[in-house]
Amino acid sequence: MLWKEHLKWGLVSVTITLILIIINELFDFITIPWVFKFWVFETKELTWWIFPIAFGVGAYSSLLPDIDIETSKAYGFTMLMFIGLIAYYLLIVELTWPIIIILVIMVIMMGLKHRGITHSILAGLIISLFFMWVFASILPGITCLVGYCTHLLCDWVQQ
């Protein structure tokens, strides 16, 4: 399946997910379990600014399983983002440990084979937890997992 198809189905599934979450926030159909209420994920009600971020994370995640293809949009965007982060940490923050971590991830990315570890639900869960931690909200993690799993489902249906 081409990247445009993965993105299209990812956007559809993420949009439906966000609409359901907004409806739930308005009418409180489902109560968030106490397990998710510790500070890393959610300490207060969802704020408006997290929704565009969650939408972007979900869209990006719908392409992310193909990060193991060097010509893919996800690979190119991720490498560009990593180069920007390296420049940021090198020139502005002057920290070296994030640069080392980013370089190690970049080297690992170059050695991945297509439809390997990146095409697994476990990889999607790990990346979702990462986005939950980065944005200190459960919403980007949910949309990440939805977008990621949509990609896997599309690949599975196409086979």
Protein backbone atom coordinates (compact mmCIF):
# COMPACT_ATOMS: atom_id res chain seq x y z
CA MET A 1 0.00 0.00 0.00
CA LEU A 2 1.29 3.48 -0.81
CA TRP A 3 2.00 6.06 1.88
CA LYS A 4 -0.98 8.18 0.77
CA GLU A 5 -3.35 5.29 1.44
CA HIS A 6 -1.82 4.63 4.86
CA LEU A 7 -2.09 8.32 5.69
CA LYS A 8 -5.70 8.51 4.48
CA TRP A 9 -6.86 5.55 6.58
CA GLY A 10 -4.78 6.74 9.52
CA LEU A 11 -6.42 10.18 9.37
CA VAL A 12 -9.88 8.62 9.18
CA SER A 13 -9.28 6.37 12.20
CA VAL A 14 -7.59 9.12 14.25
CA THR A 15 -10.40 11.58 13.44
CA ILE A 16 -13.05 9.08 14.53
CA THR A 17 -11.06 8.39 17.72
CA LEU A 18 -10.76 12.10 18.55
CA ILE A 19 -14.47 12.69 17.86
CA LEU A 20 -15.36 9.84 20.23
CA ILE A 21 -13.00 11.24 22.88
CA ILE A 22 -14.53 14.73 22.54
CA ILE A 23 -18.04 13.27 22.84
CA ASN A 24 -16.91 11.35 25.91
CA GLU A 25 -15.43 14.53 27.43
CA LEU A 26 -18.70 16.38 26.85
CA PHE A 27 -21.05 13.70 28.14
CA ASP A 28 -18.72 11.64 30.38
CA PHE A 29 -19.81 8.21 29.14
CA ILE A 30 -16.58 6.47 30.17
CA THR A 31 -14.62 7.26 33.31
CA ILE A 32 -10.83 7.08 32.94
CA PRO A 33 -9.53 4.34 35.25
CA TRP A 34 -7.52 5.53 38.22
CA VAL A 35 -4.43 3.78 36.82
CA PHE A 36 -4.13 6.43 34.07
CA LYS A 37 -4.52 9.39 36.40
CA PHE A 38 -0.96 9.60 37.67
CA TRP A 39 0.94 12.73 36.68
CA VAL A 40 2.72 11.44 33.59
CA PHE A 41 -0.50 10.83 31.71
CA GLU A 42 -3.33 13.03 32.89
CA THR A 43 -3.67 15.29 35.90
CA LYS A 44 -6.56 17.42 34.73
CA GLU A 45 -9.18 17.56 32.03
CA LEU A 46 -8.05 17.51 28.42
CA THR A 47 -7.12 20.94 27.14
CA TRP A 48 -7.82 22.22 23.63
CA TRP A 49 -4.15 22.49 22.55
CA ILE A 50 -3.48 18.77 22.95
CA PHE A 51 -6.00 17.82 20.22
CA PRO A 52 -4.03 19.24 17.22
CA ILE A 53 -0.86 17.66 18.65
CA ALA A 54 -2.63 14.33 19.06
CA PHE A 55 -3.98 14.59 15.49
CA GLY A 56 -0.47 15.22 14.14
CA VAL A 57 0.99 12.37 16.20
CA GLY A 58 -1.71 10.03 14.90
CA ALA A 59 -1.10 11.06 11.29
CA TYR A 60 2.66 10.60 11.67
CA SER A 61 2.14 7.26 13.40
CA SER A 62 0.05 5.96 10.51
CA LEU A 63 3.23 6.14 8.41
CA LEU A 64 5.68 5.14 11.14
CA PRO A 65 5.76 1.34 10.66
CA ASP A 66 7.43 1.96 7.29
CA ILE A 67 10.34 3.73 8.97
CA ASP A 68 12.34 0.65 8.00
CA ILE A 69 12.27 1.71 4.32
CA GLU A 70 14.91 4.34 3.58
CA THR A 71 12.80 5.90 0.80
CA SER A 72 9.64 6.22 2.92
CA LYS A 73 8.12 9.51 4.06
CA ALA A 74 8.32 8.38 7.71
CA TYR A 75 12.05 7.64 7.41
CA GLY A 76 12.80 10.96 5.74
CA PHE A 77 10.72 13.00 8.18
CA THR A 78 12.16 11.20 11.20
CA MET A 79 15.74 11.67 10.02
CA LEU A 80 15.05 15.37 9.36
CA MET A 81 13.53 15.70 12.83
CA PHE A 82 16.55 13.93 14.38
CA ILE A 83 18.98 16.24 12.56
CA GLY A 84 17.02 19.24 13.88
CA LEU A 85 17.11 17.82 17.41
CA ILE A 86 20.86 17.20 17.16
CA ALA A 87 21.40 20.80 16.07
CA TYR A 88 19.17 22.01 18.90
CA TYR A 89 21.01 20.00 21.57
CA LEU A 90 24.41 20.84 20.11
CA LEU A 91 23.98 24.58 19.54
CA ILE A 92 21.35 25.74 22.03
CA VAL A 93 21.11 23.35 24.97
CA GLU A 94 24.69 22.07 24.79
CA LEU A 95 23.83 18.58 26.06
CA THR A 96 25.62 15.56 24.64
CA TRP A 97 23.66 12.58 26.01
CA PRO A 98 20.51 13.25 23.88
CA ILE A 99 22.73 13.49 20.81
CA ILE A 100 24.27 10.10 21.55
CA ILE A 101 20.82 8.53 22.02
CA ILE A 102 19.56 10.07 18.76
CA LEU A 103 22.63 8.87 16.84
CA VAL A 104 22.21 5.34 18.21
CA ILE A 105 18.54 5.33 17.14
CA MET A 106 19.53 6.60 13.68
CA VAL A 107 22.08 3.80 13.26
CA ILE A 108 19.51 1.21 14.40
CA MET A 109 16.98 2.63 11.92
CA MET A 110 19.44 2.13 9.07
CA GLY A 111 19.75 -1.57 9.92
CA LEU A 112 16.04 -2.44 10.10
CA LYS A 113 14.55 -4.85 7.61
CA HIS A 114 11.12 -4.18 6.13
CA ARG A 115 8.15 -5.65 7.94
CA GLY A 116 10.32 -6.61 10.88
CA ILE A 117 10.06 -5.27 14.42
CA THR A 118 8.47 -2.00 13.27
CA HIS A 119 5.47 -3.94 11.96
CA SER A 120 4.44 -5.20 15.39
CA ILE A 121 1.93 -4.08 17.99
CA LEU A 122 4.71 -4.11 20.59
CA ALA A 123 6.59 -1.40 18.65
CA GLY A 124 3.36 0.59 18.46
CA LEU A 125 2.83 0.30 22.21
CA ILE A 126 6.39 1.41 22.98
CA ILE A 127 6.15 4.39 20.64
CA SER A 128 2.72 5.29 22.10
CA LEU A 129 4.15 5.28 25.62
CA PHE A 130 6.96 7.52 24.38
CA PHE A 131 4.46 10.06 22.98
CA MET A 132 2.43 9.92 26.22
CA TRP A 133 5.59 10.74 28.15
CA VAL A 134 6.76 13.49 25.78
CA PHE A 135 3.45 15.36 25.84
CA ALA A 136 2.47 14.39 29.43
CA SER A 137 -0.96 13.36 28.19
CA ILE A 138 -2.63 10.09 27.32
CA LEU A 139 -4.28 11.51 24.19
CA PRO A 140 -1.23 11.57 21.86
CA GLY A 141 -0.47 8.03 22.99
CA ILE A 142 -3.97 6.88 22.08
CA THR A 143 -3.89 8.51 18.64
CA CYS A 144 -0.37 7.16 18.07
CA LEU A 145 -1.53 3.62 18.78
CA VAL A 146 -4.64 4.06 16.63
CA GLY A 147 -2.64 5.42 13.67
CA TYR A 148 0.05 2.76 14.07
CA CYS A 149 -2.43 -0.11 14.32
CA THR A 150 -4.37 1.26 11.34
CA HIS A 151 -1.20 0.94 9.27
CA LEU A 152 -0.70 -2.64 10.46
CA LEU A 153 -4.34 -3.47 9.72
CA CYS A 154 -4.09 -1.99 6.21
CA ASP A 155 -0.97 -4.07 5.51
CA TRP A 156 -2.64 -7.19 6.89
CA VAL A 157 -5.81 -6.70 4.81
CA GLN A 158 -3.79 -6.05 1.66
CA GLN A 159 -1.78 -9.30 1.93
